[in-house]
Structure formats: C-alpha cells, structure tokens
Amino acid sequence: MIGKIKGKLSELDGNVGLIETAGGVSYEVNLTPTLISSHELNKSLELYTYFQVRDDAQVLFGFKTKEELSLFKMLISVSGVGPKISFTVISFSKEGELVKAIKMNDVNFFSKIPGLGKKTAMKIILELSQKLYSEFKMEKMYLTEEDKTVVDALVSLGFKSQEAKKILTKLPKDISIEEKIRQGLRLASNSK
C-alpha cells in the first residue's frame, strides 16, 4: 500500500502528475486542482495517497492533507460512490464546506460538482451525516413548492438561504404561506 509520496512534480498532464522520488522512480498520481495550483513543476511536494487496484488499472490519488484523504475514504465507503466520484467531490469542494454541507443536509451544495446527481448527493448526506454525528432530516432535503416560496421570500428580505431554511423548520406545517413568512420574521427578530 502506498500511503505517502515525497518527491518533485516533474510532469503534468491535465490533473495527472508524475511525481519523481529521490530514488528515481516516478509515480503517476491524480492531483486535486488545489494541489496543482499550489505547486510548480520541478518543486518538491509531499502527498498523502490512496492506491486503487482494479482489474484493468492501478490508480493513485494524491491529497494535500490527511483530512482530505480521510474525507475521501469516508466518501468511498458510501454505497455506489467509487474513488472517481469521491475524488471529484474532494476536487471541487473545500474540506470545511463539504463537512458543513453534509451536517446541514445541503443537497444544493453538491449540485456544483460535475457528474454528481441528486440521488448520489442524498446518499452521501444520509450515510456520512451519521458518521459525522449530525442528524439526518429528510424534511430538510425536500422542500414543497410552498416552502420554496417561503424560503425565497425570506431570502428576498435579506436572509441567507441556510438561515431561511433553518427558520422554516421551526414553523408549523399547517399554516398559510403568508403566515409562515410573518411567523418566520417574528422568529428571526426574537432570536437576535
């Protein structure tokens, strides 16, 4: 198992870099955009790696921090999410934002990640929220048309989308849209 590589970035082809070690061996490693942008060619770097063995290939994925690698391993533990999708998720999101999105059940966060569908995003949130010790709330993920109207109204009144959704979860379900907006504003002003 290759857990860490130290060497210089000798070549780069897209997101695949050749890392030449002091012993003269070069490893082909998939690199995140953050790693690529923060390292110049022929400069030394140290990577945490994940080694995937398939029938048709052996692939190395490189990470800047141990935390990124841990998140990657958590992502591949989700059923139906392989190393390629997990690497894409890590590549297109910052570590803190990803953890926050999972804890907040924020499906919309995952919509900016190429190749990741809503079902997969929901599966990631469901399975990883348990590992991150947060509550999974199905009603937070599905907003009715009425709820969307209330959230949009609160956002247009100056609230952030996450704040508006949080307020919405505290409101009774069986009242009118107008009443939800009124009570939402009252709730928000009482909590300040």
Protein backbone atom coordinates (compact mmCIF):
# COMPACT_ATOMS: atom_id res chain seq x y z
CA MET A 1 0.00 0.00 0.00
CA ILE A 2 1.36 3.42 -0.98
CA GLY A 3 0.27 5.87 1.75
CA LYS A 4 2.52 8.86 1.14
CA ILE A 5 4.83 10.08 -1.62
CA LYS A 6 7.58 12.67 -1.35
CA GLY A 7 9.29 13.94 -4.48
CA LYS A 8 9.16 16.58 -7.17
CA LEU A 9 6.39 17.23 -9.65
CA SER A 10 8.26 16.50 -12.89
CA GLU A 11 5.38 16.49 -15.40
CA LEU A 12 1.73 17.44 -15.53
CA ASP A 13 -0.94 16.25 -17.96
CA GLY A 14 -4.38 17.59 -17.03
CA ASN A 15 -4.89 16.58 -13.42
CA VAL A 16 -2.37 13.70 -13.61
CA GLY A 17 1.13 14.48 -12.37
CA LEU A 18 4.36 12.49 -12.42
CA ILE A 19 5.98 12.59 -9.01
CA GLU A 20 9.68 11.70 -9.17
CA THR A 21 11.03 10.34 -5.88
CA ALA A 22 14.62 10.66 -4.62
CA GLY A 23 15.19 7.05 -5.72
CA GLY A 24 14.43 7.97 -9.33
CA VAL A 25 11.04 6.24 -9.52
CA SER A 26 8.18 8.31 -10.96
CA TYR A 27 4.60 7.71 -9.84
CA GLU A 28 1.58 8.77 -11.88
CA VAL A 29 -0.82 10.45 -9.42
CA ASN A 30 -4.24 12.08 -9.84
CA LEU A 31 -3.96 15.52 -8.24
CA THR A 32 -6.63 17.89 -6.96
CA PRO A 33 -6.84 21.39 -8.53
CA THR A 34 -5.69 22.84 -5.18
CA LEU A 35 -2.52 20.75 -5.27
CA ILE A 36 -1.81 21.66 -8.90
CA SER A 37 -2.29 25.39 -8.34
CA SER A 38 -0.10 25.45 -5.22
CA HIS A 39 2.91 23.55 -6.66
CA GLU A 40 5.23 24.43 -9.52
CA LEU A 41 6.91 21.94 -11.82
CA ASN A 42 10.24 20.55 -10.54
CA LYS A 43 9.47 21.68 -6.99
CA SER A 44 9.33 19.29 -4.06
CA LEU A 45 6.00 18.15 -2.65
CA GLU A 46 4.64 15.61 -0.22
CA LEU A 47 1.31 13.85 -0.78
CA TYR A 48 -0.99 11.56 1.12
CA THR A 49 -2.19 8.92 -1.32
CA TYR A 50 -4.90 6.38 -1.88
CA PHE A 51 -3.95 3.37 -4.02
CA GLN A 52 -6.82 1.83 -6.01
CA VAL A 53 -6.30 -1.58 -7.60
CA ARG A 54 -8.77 -2.54 -10.35
CA ASP A 55 -8.76 -5.41 -12.83
CA ASP A 56 -7.70 -3.10 -15.65
CA ALA A 57 -5.56 -0.50 -13.81
CA GLN A 58 -3.79 0.64 -10.68
CA VAL A 59 -4.56 4.26 -9.81
CA LEU A 60 -3.01 6.64 -7.27
CA PHE A 61 -4.97 9.60 -5.91
CA GLY A 62 -3.00 12.38 -4.21
CA PHE A 63 -4.15 14.67 -1.38
CA LYS A 64 -2.63 17.74 0.24
CA THR A 65 -3.72 16.88 3.80
CA LYS A 66 -4.51 13.85 5.91
CA GLU A 67 -8.00 15.30 6.45
CA GLU A 68 -8.68 15.35 2.68
CA LEU A 69 -7.62 11.71 2.49
CA SER A 70 -9.89 10.83 5.43
CA LEU A 71 -12.86 12.54 3.75
CA PHE A 72 -12.06 10.70 0.52
CA LYS A 73 -12.07 7.38 2.39
CA MET A 74 -15.38 8.28 4.02
CA LEU A 75 -16.87 9.12 0.62
CA ILE A 76 -15.81 5.82 -0.96
CA SER A 77 -17.44 4.00 1.97
CA VAL A 78 -20.82 5.23 0.69
CA SER A 79 -22.51 2.51 -1.37
CA GLY A 80 -22.45 3.37 -5.07
CA VAL A 81 -19.76 6.04 -4.69
CA GLY A 82 -16.42 4.98 -6.12
CA PRO A 83 -12.97 6.57 -6.00
CA LYS A 84 -13.55 8.60 -9.18
CA ILE A 85 -16.70 10.34 -7.86
CA SER A 86 -15.14 10.75 -4.40
CA PHE A 87 -12.05 12.36 -5.93
CA THR A 88 -14.27 14.73 -7.95
CA VAL A 89 -16.15 15.74 -4.77
CA ILE A 90 -12.85 16.45 -2.96
CA SER A 91 -11.50 18.31 -6.01
CA PHE A 92 -14.49 20.64 -6.32
CA SER A 93 -15.09 21.47 -2.66
CA LYS A 94 -13.17 22.81 0.29
CA GLU A 95 -12.86 20.46 3.22
CA GLY A 96 -14.76 22.63 5.73
CA GLU A 97 -17.53 23.42 3.23
CA LEU A 98 -18.01 19.74 2.43
CA VAL A 99 -18.34 18.74 6.09
CA LYS A 100 -20.72 21.66 6.72
CA ALA A 101 -22.86 20.70 3.68
CA ILE A 102 -23.15 17.14 4.97
CA LYS A 103 -24.03 18.28 8.50
CA MET A 104 -26.57 20.83 7.18
CA ASN A 105 -28.12 18.29 4.76
CA ASP A 106 -27.41 20.75 1.93
CA VAL A 107 -28.15 18.89 -1.32
CA ASN A 108 -27.72 22.14 -3.31
CA PHE A 109 -24.03 22.29 -2.34
CA PHE A 110 -23.42 19.10 -4.33
CA SER A 111 -25.13 20.45 -7.46
CA LYS A 112 -21.97 22.40 -8.40
CA ILE A 113 -19.94 19.17 -8.53
CA PRO A 114 -19.75 17.78 -12.09
CA GLY A 115 -21.16 14.30 -12.63
CA LEU A 116 -22.87 14.09 -9.24
CA GLY A 117 -26.62 13.52 -9.33
CA LYS A 118 -29.16 14.44 -6.67
CA LYS A 119 -29.70 10.79 -5.62
CA THR A 120 -25.98 10.26 -5.07
CA ALA A 121 -25.74 13.56 -3.16
CA MET A 122 -28.61 12.47 -0.90
CA LYS A 123 -26.99 9.08 -0.35
CA ILE A 124 -23.70 10.79 0.62
CA ILE A 125 -25.52 13.07 3.07
CA LEU A 126 -27.54 10.22 4.57
CA GLU A 127 -24.62 7.86 5.11
CA LEU A 128 -21.95 10.41 6.07
CA SER A 129 -24.10 12.56 8.34
CA GLN A 130 -24.30 9.55 10.64
CA LYS A 131 -20.52 9.25 10.60
CA LEU A 132 -20.13 12.97 11.27
CA TYR A 133 -22.54 12.75 14.25
CA SER A 134 -25.17 15.02 12.78
CA GLU A 135 -28.88 14.50 12.39
CA PHE A 136 -30.31 13.45 9.06
CA LYS A 137 -33.63 15.14 8.46
CA MET A 138 -35.48 14.09 5.32
CA GLU A 139 -37.79 17.11 5.50
CA LYS A 140 -34.76 19.42 5.25
CA MET A 141 -33.89 17.91 1.88
CA TYR A 142 -37.34 18.07 0.29
CA LEU A 143 -38.98 21.47 0.17
CA THR A 144 -42.55 21.71 -1.06
CA GLU A 145 -43.44 24.46 -3.53
CA GLU A 146 -44.97 26.41 -0.63
CA ASP A 147 -41.80 26.01 1.43
CA LYS A 148 -39.69 27.18 -1.51
CA THR A 149 -41.89 30.29 -1.77
CA VAL A 150 -41.41 31.00 1.95
CA VAL A 151 -37.62 30.49 1.70
CA ASP A 152 -37.45 32.73 -1.41
CA ALA A 153 -39.48 35.42 0.39
CA LEU A 154 -37.17 35.32 3.42
CA VAL A 155 -34.08 35.44 1.17
CA SER A 156 -35.52 38.49 -0.66
CA LEU A 157 -35.94 40.11 2.78
CA GLY A 158 -32.20 39.78 3.44
CA PHE A 159 -31.77 36.34 4.98
CA LYS A 160 -29.21 33.86 3.73
CA SER A 161 -30.66 30.70 2.16
CA GLN A 162 -29.43 28.47 5.04
CA GLU A 163 -30.92 30.85 7.65
CA ALA A 164 -34.25 30.88 5.81
CA LYS A 165 -34.33 27.06 5.66
CA LYS A 166 -33.47 26.85 9.36
CA ILE A 167 -36.33 29.25 10.21
CA LEU A 168 -38.69 27.20 8.03
CA THR A 169 -38.01 24.02 10.05
CA LYS A 170 -39.27 25.80 13.20
CA LEU A 171 -42.60 26.82 11.67
CA PRO A 172 -45.88 24.87 11.85
CA LYS A 173 -46.59 22.95 8.63
CA ASP A 174 -50.35 23.61 8.51
CA ILE A 175 -50.43 27.42 8.16
CA SER A 176 -50.63 29.62 5.06
CA ILE A 177 -47.60 30.90 3.15
CA GLU A 178 -48.24 34.47 4.36
CA GLU A 179 -48.48 33.30 7.96
CA LYS A 180 -45.26 31.27 7.62
CA ILE A 181 -43.45 34.38 6.36
CA ARG A 182 -44.90 36.52 9.20
CA GLN A 183 -44.01 33.95 11.87
CA GLY A 184 -40.60 33.41 10.28
CA LEU A 185 -39.83 37.12 10.54
CA ARG A 186 -41.06 37.15 14.15
CA LEU A 187 -38.87 34.13 14.99
CA ALA A 188 -35.83 35.73 13.36
CA SER A 189 -36.28 39.04 15.18
CA ASN A 190 -36.78 37.29 18.56
CA SER A 191 -33.57 35.27 18.16
CA LYS A 192 -31.44 38.40 17.54
